Amino acid sequence: MSKTEALTQAMRKSIGVQILEETEVMEGEVVEIQIDTSFASGDNKPGGKKGGMEKTGRLTLCTTDMETVYDLGTKMIDALSKEKVTAGDVITIDKASGKITKLGRSFSRSRDYDAMGSQTRFVQCPEGELQKRKEVVHNVSLHEIDVINSRQQGFLALFAGDTGEIKSEVREQIDAKVVEWKEEGRAKIIPGVLFIDEVHMLDMECFSFLNRALESDMAPVLVIATNRGITNIRGTEYKSPHGIPLDLLDRLMIVSTDPYTHDEILKILSVRCEEEDVEMADDALELLARIGTETSLRYAIQMVITASLAAEKRKSAQVEIEDIKRVYKLFVDVKRSTQYLMEYNKEYMYNELDDNDEYAVDN
């Protein structure tokens, strides 16, 4: 899969489409369910197979205005049994698919039992006709529509994982169809958010693609993040702020960030201790916050669990200052590690040497 194809799929995954569809349903309160079981003789079976049990039944549904009896087949009986439908339940039946949905218990049956579970939901008995037309909303992404229409196995291709390359002609036809549905009021386009972290890892080809893709009417909201300063654009000799071309930077709203203050780090570490279920003394938490201010917040967060293990080893239920000091000595941060490497650079097997340095390799 090419780089631009991966970006295209990511962008189309973040664009939602609400497809509005009208379907016929039957909605009413169950008055009675009658199921009859009979043994079928093998003479009527194709190929002379042995007979089995056959289920037939009748379902009585009612609204405030009417009541109707329906004959049930084996599949409908199984569906009713699966949903545990009983008399007094308010249900809907999709005429196209036969799907049964239990909405709740009717208020007219609320006094049938002395005690009901907290999950029991009571609803009013439906009004009007039993057969109604309801609007059903299907939420899909443009990428899912692409996969369904570009593969022989249809929607099953979504579960295969690797969808592969999708032809641009297929996407153009889908875009035209979605716009047509939108104009007819049958669909709504919902642009989502595409988040790209470490965006400096993209090259000029990817940046050019993003520049063109953002001009589309159905482009999502693009949020990118990087921690680079003025550096080379990947694959080129040109330097640019954050490693992003200037023409793309000109399209962006840049959000500046400030370092955390001591009080903010203290609050973050306190929340982290609660999440990790770690009991820490106030003075130990204050020391950890000071370490986070001088080194980094990530280093301080990682010390929470290690200090908890050190306290557990000495059979203490609370992390104390001595545990923070012990962990601080065992695990160094980036600054101390860099200082150590600079001090003992020559002691390592591979290191950067000046041209004037002499070295020898013992055989």
Protein backbone atom coordinates (compact mmCIF):
# COMPACT_ATOMS: atom_id res chain seq x y z
CA MET A 1 0.00 0.00 0.00
CA SER A 2 1.37 3.42 -0.98
CA LYS A 3 1.81 6.30 1.46
CA THR A 4 -0.88 8.41 -0.19
CA GLU A 5 -3.32 5.47 -0.17
CA ALA A 6 -2.78 5.02 3.58
CA LEU A 7 -3.45 8.73 4.14
CA THR A 8 -6.52 8.61 1.90
CA GLN A 9 -7.97 5.68 3.87
CA ALA A 10 -7.22 7.44 7.17
CA MET A 11 -9.00 10.60 5.99
CA ARG A 12 -12.05 8.71 4.69
CA LYS A 13 -12.26 6.73 7.93
CA SER A 14 -12.71 10.04 9.75
CA ILE A 15 -15.61 11.18 7.54
CA GLY A 16 -18.97 9.81 8.67
CA VAL A 17 -22.14 9.38 6.64
CA GLN A 18 -25.59 9.13 8.26
CA ILE A 19 -27.84 7.25 5.85
CA LEU A 20 -31.54 7.75 6.54
CA GLU A 21 -33.80 4.86 5.56
CA GLU A 22 -37.53 4.32 5.99
CA THR A 23 -38.65 0.82 6.96
CA GLU A 24 -41.96 -0.80 7.82
CA VAL A 25 -42.32 -2.12 11.35
CA MET A 26 -45.05 -3.57 13.50
CA GLU A 27 -45.18 -2.06 16.97
CA GLY A 28 -47.55 -3.09 19.71
CA GLU A 29 -48.14 -4.68 23.08
CA VAL A 30 -48.05 -8.48 23.30
CA VAL A 31 -51.44 -9.71 24.48
CA GLU A 32 -50.84 -13.44 24.08
CA ILE A 33 -48.30 -15.86 22.64
CA GLN A 34 -49.58 -19.34 21.82
CA ILE A 35 -47.09 -21.96 20.65
CA ASP A 36 -48.08 -25.45 19.47
CA THR A 37 -45.60 -28.30 19.00
CA SER A 38 -46.36 -31.21 16.66
CA PHE A 39 -44.45 -34.20 15.34
CA ALA A 40 -44.02 -34.22 11.56
CA SER A 41 -44.02 -37.58 9.80
CA GLY A 42 -41.05 -38.54 7.65
CA ASP A 43 -43.25 -39.25 4.60
CA ASN A 44 -43.61 -35.55 3.86
CA LYS A 45 -39.89 -34.85 4.16
CA PRO A 46 -37.79 -34.61 0.97
CA GLY A 47 -35.57 -37.67 0.51
CA GLY A 48 -37.58 -39.68 3.05
CA LYS A 49 -35.80 -38.23 6.09
CA LYS A 50 -37.12 -38.86 9.54
CA GLY A 51 -39.65 -36.39 10.87
CA GLY A 52 -39.01 -33.99 13.70
CA MET A 53 -40.76 -31.48 15.92
CA GLU A 54 -42.49 -28.59 14.20
CA LYS A 55 -43.46 -25.43 15.99
CA THR A 56 -46.35 -23.23 15.01
CA GLY A 57 -48.02 -20.47 16.94
CA ARG A 58 -49.99 -17.28 17.05
CA LEU A 59 -49.03 -13.84 18.32
CA THR A 60 -51.63 -11.30 19.43
CA LEU A 61 -50.51 -7.67 19.27
CA CYS A 62 -52.54 -4.64 20.19
CA THR A 63 -52.38 -0.87 20.33
CA THR A 64 -54.77 1.55 21.98
CA ASP A 65 -56.88 1.48 18.78
CA MET A 66 -56.71 -2.07 17.41
CA GLU A 67 -55.77 -5.71 18.02
CA THR A 68 -54.53 -8.29 15.48
CA VAL A 69 -53.53 -11.97 15.55
CA TYR A 70 -50.53 -13.12 13.49
CA ASP A 71 -49.48 -16.68 12.59
CA LEU A 72 -45.91 -17.53 13.58
CA GLY A 73 -43.36 -19.74 11.88
CA THR A 74 -40.39 -21.54 13.42
CA LYS A 75 -37.95 -18.66 12.90
CA MET A 76 -40.24 -16.09 14.49
CA ILE A 77 -40.90 -18.40 17.45
CA ASP A 78 -37.14 -18.83 17.96
CA ALA A 79 -36.63 -15.06 17.76
CA LEU A 80 -39.34 -14.44 20.36
CA SER A 81 -37.80 -17.06 22.65
CA LYS A 82 -34.34 -15.53 22.22
CA GLU A 83 -35.59 -12.08 23.24
CA LYS A 84 -37.62 -13.66 26.11
CA VAL A 85 -40.80 -11.93 24.99
CA THR A 86 -43.84 -12.51 27.22
CA ALA A 87 -47.34 -11.13 27.45
CA GLY A 88 -47.26 -7.47 28.47
CA ASP A 89 -44.05 -6.63 26.60
CA VAL A 90 -44.06 -3.84 24.02
CA ILE A 91 -42.09 -4.96 20.95
CA THR A 92 -41.27 -3.87 17.40
CA ILE A 93 -40.86 -6.30 14.48
CA ASP A 94 -39.00 -5.23 11.34
CA LYS A 95 -41.03 -6.58 8.42
CA ALA A 96 -38.02 -6.69 6.07
CA SER A 97 -35.55 -8.54 8.32
CA GLY A 98 -37.85 -10.04 10.97
CA LYS A 99 -35.71 -8.54 13.75
CA ILE A 100 -37.54 -8.27 17.08
CA THR A 101 -36.73 -5.48 19.53
CA LYS A 102 -38.17 -5.39 23.03
CA LEU A 103 -38.90 -1.80 24.08
CA GLY A 104 -40.05 -2.61 27.63
CA ARG A 105 -43.07 -3.59 29.73
CA SER A 106 -46.45 -1.95 29.31
CA PHE A 107 -47.66 0.30 32.14
CA SER A 108 -50.92 -1.70 32.15
CA ARG A 109 -48.93 -4.72 33.43
CA SER A 110 -46.95 -2.83 36.08
CA ARG A 111 -49.01 -4.39 38.91
CA ASP A 112 -48.65 -8.00 37.70
CA TYR A 113 -45.69 -8.61 40.04
CA ASP A 114 -45.01 -7.43 43.58
CA ALA A 115 -41.31 -6.85 42.86
CA MET A 116 -39.55 -5.84 39.65
CA GLY A 117 -35.86 -5.49 38.84
CA SER A 118 -34.25 -2.07 38.51
CA GLN A 119 -33.50 -2.82 34.86
CA THR A 120 -37.19 -3.22 34.01
CA ARG A 121 -38.38 -0.38 31.79
CA PHE A 122 -42.04 0.58 31.54
CA VAL A 123 -43.44 2.21 28.39
CA GLN A 124 -46.84 3.32 27.19
CA CYS A 125 -48.92 1.09 24.94
CA PRO A 126 -48.44 2.29 21.31
CA GLU A 127 -51.18 4.31 19.66
CA GLY A 128 -52.68 4.15 16.18
CA GLU A 129 -51.99 1.43 13.60
CA LEU A 130 -49.89 -1.64 14.28
CA GLN A 131 -47.97 -1.26 11.02
CA LYS A 132 -45.91 1.94 10.86
CA ARG A 133 -43.12 3.45 8.82
CA LYS A 134 -40.06 4.40 10.86
CA GLU A 135 -36.91 6.23 9.92
CA VAL A 136 -33.75 4.19 10.63
CA VAL A 137 -30.32 5.85 10.75
CA HIS A 138 -27.23 3.90 9.62
CA ASN A 139 -23.85 5.39 10.66
CA VAL A 140 -20.95 4.39 8.41
CA SER A 141 -17.70 5.95 7.27
CA LEU A 142 -16.71 6.72 3.69
CA HIS A 143 -13.92 4.14 3.97
CA GLU A 144 -16.41 1.41 4.89
CA ILE A 145 -18.52 2.30 1.84
CA ASP A 146 -15.35 2.17 -0.28
CA VAL A 147 -14.44 -1.32 0.96
CA ILE A 148 -17.98 -2.68 0.55
CA ASN A 149 -18.19 -1.48 -3.05
CA SER A 150 -14.66 -2.44 -4.10
CA ARG A 151 -14.55 -6.04 -2.85
CA GLN A 152 -16.50 -9.07 -4.02
CA GLN A 153 -17.22 -10.25 -0.49
CA GLY A 154 -18.89 -6.90 0.34
CA PHE A 155 -19.04 -5.86 3.99
CA LEU A 156 -17.23 -9.07 5.04
CA ALA A 157 -14.05 -7.46 3.68
CA LEU A 158 -14.16 -5.06 6.63
CA PHE A 159 -13.27 -7.96 8.95
CA ALA A 160 -10.36 -9.16 6.79
CA GLY A 161 -8.03 -6.41 8.03
CA ASP A 162 -5.93 -5.48 5.01
CA THR A 163 -8.24 -3.76 2.53
CA GLY A 164 -5.50 -3.06 -0.02
CA GLU A 165 -5.56 -0.39 -2.70
CA ILE A 166 -8.94 1.06 -3.69
CA LYS A 167 -9.32 2.49 -7.20
CA SER A 168 -9.90 6.22 -7.49
CA GLU A 169 -12.81 5.59 -9.90
CA VAL A 170 -14.67 3.73 -7.14
CA ARG A 171 -14.18 6.61 -4.71
CA GLU A 172 -15.35 9.16 -7.29
CA GLN A 173 -18.56 7.19 -7.90
CA ILE A 174 -19.16 6.86 -4.14
CA ASP A 175 -18.57 10.59 -3.56
CA ALA A 176 -21.02 11.45 -6.34
CA LYS A 177 -23.62 9.08 -4.89
CA VAL A 178 -23.21 10.44 -1.35
CA VAL A 179 -23.59 14.02 -2.62
CA GLU A 180 -26.74 12.93 -4.49
CA TRP A 181 -28.16 11.35 -1.30
CA LYS A 182 -27.32 14.53 0.60
CA GLU A 183 -29.21 16.70 -1.90
CA GLU A 184 -32.20 14.34 -1.70
CA GLY A 185 -32.17 14.48 2.11
CA ARG A 186 -31.38 10.76 2.42
CA ALA A 187 -27.93 11.21 3.94
CA LYS A 188 -25.88 13.61 6.07
CA ILE A 189 -22.13 14.05 5.84
CA ILE A 190 -20.39 14.41 9.21
CA PRO A 191 -16.71 15.45 8.91
CA GLY A 192 -14.74 14.01 11.79
CA VAL A 193 -11.23 14.64 13.13
CA LEU A 194 -8.01 13.11 11.79
CA PHE A 195 -5.15 13.23 14.31
CA ILE A 196 -1.60 12.67 13.04
CA ASP A 197 1.07 12.42 15.73
CA GLU A 198 4.80 12.82 14.99
CA VAL A 199 3.88 14.60 11.75
CA HIS A 200 7.55 15.47 11.07
CA MET A 201 8.00 11.83 9.99
CA LEU A 202 5.99 12.51 6.81
CA ASP A 203 7.88 13.37 3.63
CA MET A 204 7.26 15.96 0.92
CA GLU A 205 4.95 13.64 -1.04
CA CYS A 206 2.67 13.17 1.98
CA PHE A 207 2.64 16.90 2.78
CA SER A 208 1.72 17.71 -0.83
CA PHE A 209 -1.12 15.19 -0.65
CA LEU A 210 -2.44 16.70 2.60
CA ASN A 211 -2.30 20.17 1.04
CA ARG A 212 -4.51 19.05 -1.84
CA ALA A 213 -6.82 16.87 0.30
CA LEU A 214 -7.64 19.73 2.69
CA GLU A 215 -9.18 21.66 -0.20
CA SER A 216 -11.93 19.05 -0.60
CA ASP A 217 -15.48 19.84 0.54
CA MET A 218 -15.58 16.65 2.60
CA ALA A 219 -12.18 17.08 4.26
CA PRO A 220 -12.06 16.29 8.00
CA VAL A 221 -10.65 18.54 10.70
CA LEU A 222 -6.90 17.87 10.67
CA VAL A 223 -4.98 17.96 13.97
CA ILE A 224 -1.24 17.34 13.84
CA ALA A 225 1.34 17.21 16.62
CA THR A 226 5.13 17.31 16.71
CA ASN A 227 7.88 18.10 19.19
CA ARG A 228 10.49 19.19 16.63
CA GLY A 229 11.91 22.71 16.25
CA ILE A 230 13.53 24.02 13.06
CA THR A 231 14.65 20.88 11.27
CA ASN A 232 14.95 19.30 7.84
CA ILE A 233 11.82 18.27 5.97
CA ARG A 234 12.08 14.48 5.75
CA GLY A 235 13.83 13.39 2.55
CA THR A 236 15.04 16.90 1.63
CA GLU A 237 17.83 19.34 2.47
CA TYR A 238 15.39 22.16 3.26
CA LYS A 239 14.92 23.33 6.82
CA SER A 240 11.50 24.42 8.07
CA PRO A 241 9.79 25.02 11.44
CA HIS A 242 8.68 21.69 12.94
CA GLY A 243 9.82 19.89 9.75
CA ILE A 244 6.60 20.97 7.97
CA PRO A 245 6.60 22.84 4.62
CA LEU A 246 5.74 26.54 4.90
CA ASP A 247 2.75 26.32 2.52
CA LEU A 248 1.11 23.73 4.80
CA LEU A 249 2.04 25.68 7.95
CA ASP A 250 0.27 28.69 6.46
CA ARG A 251 -3.00 26.70 6.46
CA LEU A 252 -2.72 25.68 10.11
CA MET A 253 -3.78 27.28 13.37
CA ILE A 254 -0.73 26.76 15.58
CA VAL A 255 -1.39 26.15 19.27
CA SER A 256 1.50 27.13 21.54
CA THR A 257 2.19 25.13 24.68
CA ASP A 258 3.88 26.11 27.95
CA PRO A 259 5.79 23.91 30.42
CA TYR A 260 3.85 22.62 33.43
CA THR A 261 4.21 24.57 36.64
CA HIS A 262 5.13 22.94 39.95
CA ASP A 263 1.52 23.03 41.20
CA GLU A 264 0.22 21.50 37.96
CA ILE A 265 2.76 18.67 38.14
CA LEU A 266 1.77 18.09 41.78
CA LYS A 267 -1.89 17.81 40.78
CA ILE A 268 -1.13 15.45 37.87
CA LEU A 269 0.97 13.16 40.06
CA SER A 270 -1.76 13.14 42.71
CA VAL A 271 -4.32 12.01 40.12
CA ARG A 272 -1.87 9.40 38.83
CA CYS A 273 -1.43 7.99 42.32
CA GLU A 274 -5.21 7.66 42.65
CA GLU A 275 -5.45 5.87 39.28
CA GLU A 276 -2.61 3.49 40.16
CA ASP A 277 -4.04 2.94 43.67
CA VAL A 278 -0.78 4.10 45.30
CA GLU A 279 -0.74 5.63 48.79
CA MET A 280 1.94 8.35 48.94
CA ALA A 281 2.89 10.65 51.78
CA ASP A 282 2.52 14.39 51.22
CA ASP A 283 6.24 15.12 51.61
CA ALA A 284 7.09 12.25 49.19
CA LEU A 285 4.61 13.62 46.66
CA GLU A 286 6.13 17.09 47.02
CA LEU A 287 9.62 15.67 46.41
CA LEU A 288 8.36 13.75 43.35
CA ALA A 289 6.79 16.94 41.99
CA ARG A 290 10.10 18.79 42.40
CA ILE A 291 11.88 15.99 40.56
CA GLY A 292 9.30 16.25 37.77
CA THR A 293 9.91 20.01 37.53
CA GLU A 294 13.70 19.58 37.27
CA THR A 295 13.66 16.54 34.95
CA SER A 296 10.42 15.67 33.12
CA LEU A 297 6.83 14.80 33.93
CA ARG A 298 7.13 11.39 32.24
CA TYR A 299 10.06 10.44 34.43
CA ALA A 300 8.14 11.45 37.57
CA ILE A 301 5.06 9.49 36.49
CA GLN A 302 7.15 6.36 35.89
CA MET A 303 8.62 6.72 39.38
CA VAL A 304 5.16 6.34 40.96
CA ILE A 305 4.93 2.58 40.33
CA THR A 306 8.63 1.88 40.97
CA ALA A 307 8.48 3.77 44.29
CA SER A 308 5.34 1.80 45.18
CA LEU A 309 7.22 -1.46 44.56
CA ALA A 310 10.11 -0.23 46.70
CA ALA A 311 7.69 0.57 49.54
CA GLU A 312 6.03 -2.82 49.12
CA LYS A 313 9.40 -4.57 49.39
CA ARG A 314 10.03 -2.98 52.79
CA LYS A 315 6.44 -3.96 53.72
CA SER A 316 5.05 -0.45 53.92
CA ALA A 317 1.56 0.51 52.76
CA GLN A 318 2.62 4.08 51.99
CA VAL A 319 5.36 5.50 49.78
CA GLU A 320 7.79 7.62 51.80
CA ILE A 321 10.67 9.94 50.90
CA GLU A 322 13.21 7.14 51.27
CA ASP A 323 11.43 5.15 48.54
CA ILE A 324 11.57 8.13 46.16
CA LYS A 325 15.29 8.60 46.90
CA ARG A 326 16.03 4.91 46.37
CA VAL A 327 14.25 4.85 43.02
CA TYR A 328 15.91 8.13 41.99
CA LYS A 329 19.32 6.52 42.54
CA LEU A 330 18.43 3.30 40.71
CA PHE A 331 16.86 4.84 37.60
CA VAL A 332 18.46 7.90 36.03
CA ASP A 333 16.69 10.52 33.93
CA VAL A 334 17.78 11.80 30.51
CA LYS A 335 19.93 14.64 31.85
CA ARG A 336 21.94 12.45 34.24
CA SER A 337 22.24 9.73 31.60
CA THR A 338 23.60 12.22 29.06
CA GLN A 339 26.03 13.64 31.58
CA TYR A 340 27.27 10.14 32.42
CA LEU A 341 27.81 9.31 28.75
CA MET A 342 29.77 12.49 28.16
CA GLU A 343 31.95 11.80 31.19
CA TYR A 344 32.69 8.16 30.35
CA ASN A 345 32.45 8.39 26.57
CA LYS A 346 35.82 6.77 25.94
CA GLU A 347 34.97 3.77 28.10
CA TYR A 348 32.33 2.53 25.62
CA MET A 349 33.11 0.28 22.70
CA TYR A 350 31.56 2.52 20.03
CA ASN A 351 31.61 6.30 20.32
CA GLU A 352 32.18 9.42 18.23
CA LEU A 353 35.92 10.17 18.09
CA ASP A 354 37.72 13.28 16.86
CA ASP A 355 40.03 13.04 13.88
CA ASN A 356 43.08 13.54 16.12
CA ASP A 357 42.17 10.72 18.49
CA GLU A 358 44.22 7.55 18.25
CA TYR A 359 42.79 4.18 18.93
CA ALA A 360 43.82 0.58 18.55
CA VAL A 361 42.02 -2.71 18.44
CA ASP A 362 43.57 -5.63 20.26
CA ASN A 363 43.54 -8.87 18.30
